[in-house]
Amino acid sequence: MHTFRIAFIKAGWHNEIVNNALVGFRQALAEQQVEHQLKTFDVPGAFEMPLLAKRLAETGNYDAIVCAALVVDGGIYRHDFVAQAVVDGLMNVQLTTNVPVFSVSLTPHNFQPAEVIENFYRDHFIKKGQEAARAALAIHQLVVE
């Protein structure tokens, strides 16, 4: 199998939590001993991920794109609208470019900036990053074979 080329896009909001998706992703790839090239990209928030994912997919330089974000209810806007727009945008990217796009974008309804909750999501993002790596690898193996 050729080198698996992955772009990993991370949203900056709650980056102390979101960055753990990349930690988990790297762990799972290491466990699978996959020859890969991983390039990370930071964007301000989840809303910016689909456009960057599309531009990266169109380069032909990546076999998969992974996007990670934590979209929470800030009390001012409807976070569920933002989350839906992001997921729809990411789905559109993979359907129009034929480059698989994986989302580690979580939208908790009861997120509070309390240590116990933040720790829960830090751990959860590691697990979700691992799941994204396994899914990306599974799809990559299907496409390459």
C-alpha atoms as a PDB file:
ATOM      1  CA  MET A   1       0.000   0.000   0.000  1.00  0.00           C
ATOM      2  CA  HIS A   2       1.284   3.466  -0.811  1.00  0.00           C
ATOM      3  CA  THR A   3       1.819   6.164   1.802  1.00  0.00           C
ATOM      4  CA  PHE A   4      -1.512   7.272   3.259  1.00  0.00           C
ATOM      5  CA  ARG A   5      -1.688  11.073   2.874  1.00  0.00           C
ATOM      6  CA  ILE A   6      -3.981  12.776   5.385  1.00  0.00           C
ATOM      7  CA  ALA A   7      -4.960  16.375   6.069  1.00  0.00           C
ATOM      8  CA  PHE A   8      -6.197  17.007   9.608  1.00  0.00           C
ATOM      9  CA  ILE A   9      -8.125  20.254  10.130  1.00  0.00           C
ATOM     10  CA  LYS A  10      -8.710  21.469  13.699  1.00  0.00           C
ATOM     11  CA  ALA A  11     -11.024  24.260  14.819  1.00  0.00           C
ATOM     12  CA  GLY A  12      -9.519  26.695  17.297  1.00  0.00           C
ATOM     13  CA  TRP A  13     -12.493  27.070  19.634  1.00  0.00           C
ATOM     14  CA  HIS A  14     -11.851  24.883  22.689  1.00  0.00           C
ATOM     15  CA  ASN A  15      -8.548  23.760  21.163  1.00  0.00           C
ATOM     16  CA  GLU A  16      -7.396  22.342  24.508  1.00  0.00           C
ATOM     17  CA  ILE A  17     -10.115  19.735  23.983  1.00  0.00           C
ATOM     18  CA  VAL A  18     -10.226  19.489  20.177  1.00  0.00           C
ATOM     19  CA  ASN A  19      -6.459  18.869  19.881  1.00  0.00           C
ATOM     20  CA  ASN A  20      -7.012  15.517  21.593  1.00  0.00           C
ATOM     21  CA  ALA A  21      -8.720  14.232  18.447  1.00  0.00           C
ATOM     22  CA  LEU A  22      -5.345  14.533  16.724  1.00  0.00           C
ATOM     23  CA  VAL A  23      -3.662  12.748  19.635  1.00  0.00           C
ATOM     24  CA  GLY A  24      -6.069   9.826  19.310  1.00  0.00           C
ATOM     25  CA  PHE A  25      -5.784   9.830  15.519  1.00  0.00           C
ATOM     26  CA  ARG A  26      -1.994   9.566  15.691  1.00  0.00           C
ATOM     27  CA  GLN A  27      -2.197   6.824  18.334  1.00  0.00           C
ATOM     28  CA  ALA A  28      -4.447   4.661  16.176  1.00  0.00           C
ATOM     29  CA  LEU A  29      -2.290   5.103  13.077  1.00  0.00           C
ATOM     30  CA  ALA A  30       0.789   4.164  15.100  1.00  0.00           C
ATOM     31  CA  GLU A  31      -0.943   1.055  16.461  1.00  0.00           C
ATOM     32  CA  GLN A  32      -1.803   0.000  12.904  1.00  0.00           C
ATOM     33  CA  GLN A  33       1.777   0.754  11.786  1.00  0.00           C
ATOM     34  CA  VAL A  34       0.498   2.616   8.758  1.00  0.00           C
ATOM     35  CA  GLU A  35       2.989   4.417   6.553  1.00  0.00           C
ATOM     36  CA  HIS A  36       1.492   7.899   6.392  1.00  0.00           C
ATOM     37  CA  GLN A  37       2.045  11.591   5.903  1.00  0.00           C
ATOM     38  CA  LEU A  38      -0.075  13.737   8.174  1.00  0.00           C
ATOM     39  CA  LYS A  39      -0.352  17.486   7.755  1.00  0.00           C
ATOM     40  CA  THR A  40      -2.350  19.560  10.228  1.00  0.00           C
ATOM     41  CA  PHE A  41      -4.216  22.776   9.594  1.00  0.00           C
ATOM     42  CA  ASP A  42      -5.727  25.120  12.171  1.00  0.00           C
ATOM     43  CA  VAL A  43      -8.811  27.202  11.410  1.00  0.00           C
ATOM     44  CA  PRO A  44     -10.621  29.675  13.679  1.00  0.00           C
ATOM     45  CA  GLY A  45     -13.812  27.657  14.097  1.00  0.00           C
ATOM     46  CA  ALA A  46     -15.868  24.777  12.774  1.00  0.00           C
ATOM     47  CA  PHE A  47     -17.613  26.933  10.181  1.00  0.00           C
ATOM     48  CA  GLU A  48     -14.320  27.394   8.312  1.00  0.00           C
ATOM     49  CA  MET A  49     -13.568  23.674   7.994  1.00  0.00           C
ATOM     50  CA  PRO A  50     -15.636  22.758   4.898  1.00  0.00           C
ATOM     51  CA  LEU A  51     -14.074  25.378   2.626  1.00  0.00           C
ATOM     52  CA  LEU A  52     -10.527  24.441   3.620  1.00  0.00           C
ATOM     53  CA  ALA A  53     -11.396  20.747   3.292  1.00  0.00           C
ATOM     54  CA  LYS A  54     -12.680  21.390  -0.239  1.00  0.00           C
ATOM     55  CA  ARG A  55      -9.600  23.336  -1.264  1.00  0.00           C
ATOM     56  CA  LEU A  56      -7.297  20.664   0.142  1.00  0.00           C
ATOM     57  CA  ALA A  57      -9.271  17.867  -1.521  1.00  0.00           C
ATOM     58  CA  GLU A  58      -9.093  19.643  -4.871  1.00  0.00           C
ATOM     59  CA  THR A  59      -5.278  19.682  -4.748  1.00  0.00           C
ATOM     60  CA  GLY A  60      -5.167  15.903  -5.156  1.00  0.00           C
ATOM     61  CA  ASN A  61      -2.482  15.772  -2.456  1.00  0.00           C
ATOM     62  CA  TYR A  62      -4.568  13.940   0.157  1.00  0.00           C
ATOM     63  CA  ASP A  63      -6.174  10.511   0.373  1.00  0.00           C
ATOM     64  CA  ALA A  64      -8.367  11.589   3.298  1.00  0.00           C
ATOM     65  CA  ILE A  65      -9.310  14.696   5.216  1.00  0.00           C
ATOM     66  CA  VAL A  66     -10.258  14.681   8.892  1.00  0.00           C
ATOM     67  CA  CYS A  67     -11.957  17.639  10.577  1.00  0.00           C
ATOM     68  CA  ALA A  68     -12.269  18.138  14.322  1.00  0.00           C
ATOM     69  CA  ALA A  69     -14.296  20.704  16.238  1.00  0.00           C
ATOM     70  CA  LEU A  70     -16.344  21.219  19.368  1.00  0.00           C
ATOM     71  CA  VAL A  71     -19.452  23.296  18.621  1.00  0.00           C
ATOM     72  CA  VAL A  72     -21.150  24.376  21.817  1.00  0.00           C
ATOM     73  CA  ASP A  73     -24.176  26.467  22.673  1.00  0.00           C
ATOM     74  CA  GLY A  74     -22.821  29.918  23.368  1.00  0.00           C
ATOM     75  CA  GLY A  75     -26.234  31.283  24.296  1.00  0.00           C
ATOM     76  CA  ILE A  76     -26.185  33.843  21.480  1.00  0.00           C
ATOM     77  CA  TYR A  77     -26.626  31.708  18.388  1.00  0.00           C
ATOM     78  CA  ARG A  78     -28.095  28.287  17.686  1.00  0.00           C
ATOM     79  CA  HIS A  79     -25.101  25.965  17.742  1.00  0.00           C
ATOM     80  CA  ASP A  80     -27.155  23.212  16.125  1.00  0.00           C
ATOM     81  CA  PHE A  81     -27.495  25.344  12.960  1.00  0.00           C
ATOM     82  CA  VAL A  82     -23.735  25.796  12.807  1.00  0.00           C
ATOM     83  CA  ALA A  83     -23.124  22.097  13.434  1.00  0.00           C
ATOM     84  CA  GLN A  84     -25.599  21.080  10.719  1.00  0.00           C
ATOM     85  CA  ALA A  85     -24.035  23.494   8.219  1.00  0.00           C
ATOM     86  CA  VAL A  86     -20.581  22.081   8.979  1.00  0.00           C
ATOM     87  CA  VAL A  87     -21.622  18.443   8.632  1.00  0.00           C
ATOM     88  CA  ASP A  88     -23.551  19.180   5.423  1.00  0.00           C
ATOM     89  CA  GLY A  89     -20.552  21.083   4.069  1.00  0.00           C
ATOM     90  CA  LEU A  90     -18.141  18.257   4.851  1.00  0.00           C
ATOM     91  CA  MET A  91     -20.447  15.690   3.259  1.00  0.00           C
ATOM     92  CA  ASN A  92     -20.690  17.875   0.170  1.00  0.00           C
ATOM     93  CA  VAL A  93     -16.886  18.060  -0.040  1.00  0.00           C
ATOM     94  CA  GLN A  94     -16.445  14.310  -0.157  1.00  0.00           C
ATOM     95  CA  LEU A  95     -19.290  13.813  -2.619  1.00  0.00           C
ATOM     96  CA  THR A  96     -18.015  16.474  -5.038  1.00  0.00           C
ATOM     97  CA  THR A  97     -14.277  15.726  -4.797  1.00  0.00           C
ATOM     98  CA  ASN A  98     -14.216  11.946  -4.239  1.00  0.00           C
ATOM     99  CA  VAL A  99     -11.834  12.473  -1.313  1.00  0.00           C
ATOM    100  CA  PRO A 100     -13.156  10.869   1.896  1.00  0.00           C
ATOM    101  CA  VAL A 101     -13.839  13.394   4.652  1.00  0.00           C
ATOM    102  CA  PHE A 102     -14.199  12.325   8.274  1.00  0.00           C
ATOM    103  CA  SER A 103     -15.754  14.421  11.003  1.00  0.00           C
ATOM    104  CA  VAL A 104     -14.780  14.460  14.652  1.00  0.00           C
ATOM    105  CA  SER A 105     -17.115  17.385  15.215  1.00  0.00           C
ATOM    106  CA  LEU A 106     -19.122  17.073  18.398  1.00  0.00           C
ATOM    107  CA  THR A 107     -22.065  19.235  19.436  1.00  0.00           C
ATOM    108  CA  PRO A 108     -22.885  18.601  23.089  1.00  0.00           C
ATOM    109  CA  HIS A 109     -26.117  20.062  24.404  1.00  0.00           C
ATOM    110  CA  ASN A 110     -24.923  20.483  27.973  1.00  0.00           C
ATOM    111  CA  PHE A 111     -21.314  21.620  27.694  1.00  0.00           C
ATOM    112  CA  GLN A 112     -20.164  23.732  30.642  1.00  0.00           C
ATOM    113  CA  PRO A 113     -16.668  25.043  31.301  1.00  0.00           C
ATOM    114  CA  ALA A 114     -16.269  22.881  34.394  1.00  0.00           C
ATOM    115  CA  GLU A 115     -13.209  20.703  34.956  1.00  0.00           C
ATOM    116  CA  VAL A 116     -15.079  17.401  35.143  1.00  0.00           C
ATOM    117  CA  ILE A 117     -16.949  18.108  31.888  1.00  0.00           C
ATOM    118  CA  GLU A 118     -13.873  19.399  30.075  1.00  0.00           C
ATOM    119  CA  ASN A 119     -11.936  16.296  31.163  1.00  0.00           C
ATOM    120  CA  PHE A 120     -14.737  14.074  29.877  1.00  0.00           C
ATOM    121  CA  TYR A 121     -14.562  15.730  26.442  1.00  0.00           C
ATOM    122  CA  ARG A 122     -10.752  15.642  26.374  1.00  0.00           C
ATOM    123  CA  ASP A 123     -10.906  11.864  26.824  1.00  0.00           C
ATOM    124  CA  HIS A 124     -13.831  11.536  24.433  1.00  0.00           C
ATOM    125  CA  PHE A 125     -11.971  13.395  21.685  1.00  0.00           C
ATOM    126  CA  ILE A 126      -9.063  10.965  21.996  1.00  0.00           C
ATOM    127  CA  LYS A 127     -11.487   8.077  21.442  1.00  0.00           C
ATOM    128  CA  LYS A 128     -13.172   9.858  18.551  1.00  0.00           C
ATOM    129  CA  GLY A 129      -9.790  10.590  16.960  1.00  0.00           C
ATOM    130  CA  GLN A 130      -8.921   6.894  17.193  1.00  0.00           C
ATOM    131  CA  GLU A 131     -12.256   5.971  15.614  1.00  0.00           C
ATOM    132  CA  ALA A 132     -11.669   8.457  12.792  1.00  0.00           C
ATOM    133  CA  ALA A 133      -8.236   6.943  12.093  1.00  0.00           C
ATOM    134  CA  ARG A 134      -9.663   3.434  11.923  1.00  0.00           C
ATOM    135  CA  ALA A 135     -12.488   4.583   9.648  1.00  0.00           C
ATOM    136  CA  ALA A 136     -10.135   6.536   7.378  1.00  0.00           C
ATOM    137  CA  LEU A 137      -7.802   3.571   7.111  1.00  0.00           C
ATOM    138  CA  ALA A 138     -10.673   1.170   6.357  1.00  0.00           C
ATOM    139  CA  ILE A 139     -11.978   3.382   3.546  1.00  0.00           C
ATOM    140  CA  HIS A 140      -8.452   3.948   2.228  1.00  0.00           C
ATOM    141  CA  GLN A 141      -7.836   0.202   2.042  1.00  0.00           C
ATOM    142  CA  LEU A 142     -11.128  -0.292   0.170  1.00  0.00           C
ATOM    143  CA  VAL A 143     -10.234   2.387  -2.368  1.00  0.00           C
ATOM    144  CA  VAL A 144      -6.609   1.306  -2.880  1.00  0.00           C
ATOM    145  CA  GLU A 145      -7.337  -2.406  -3.281  1.00  0.00           C
END
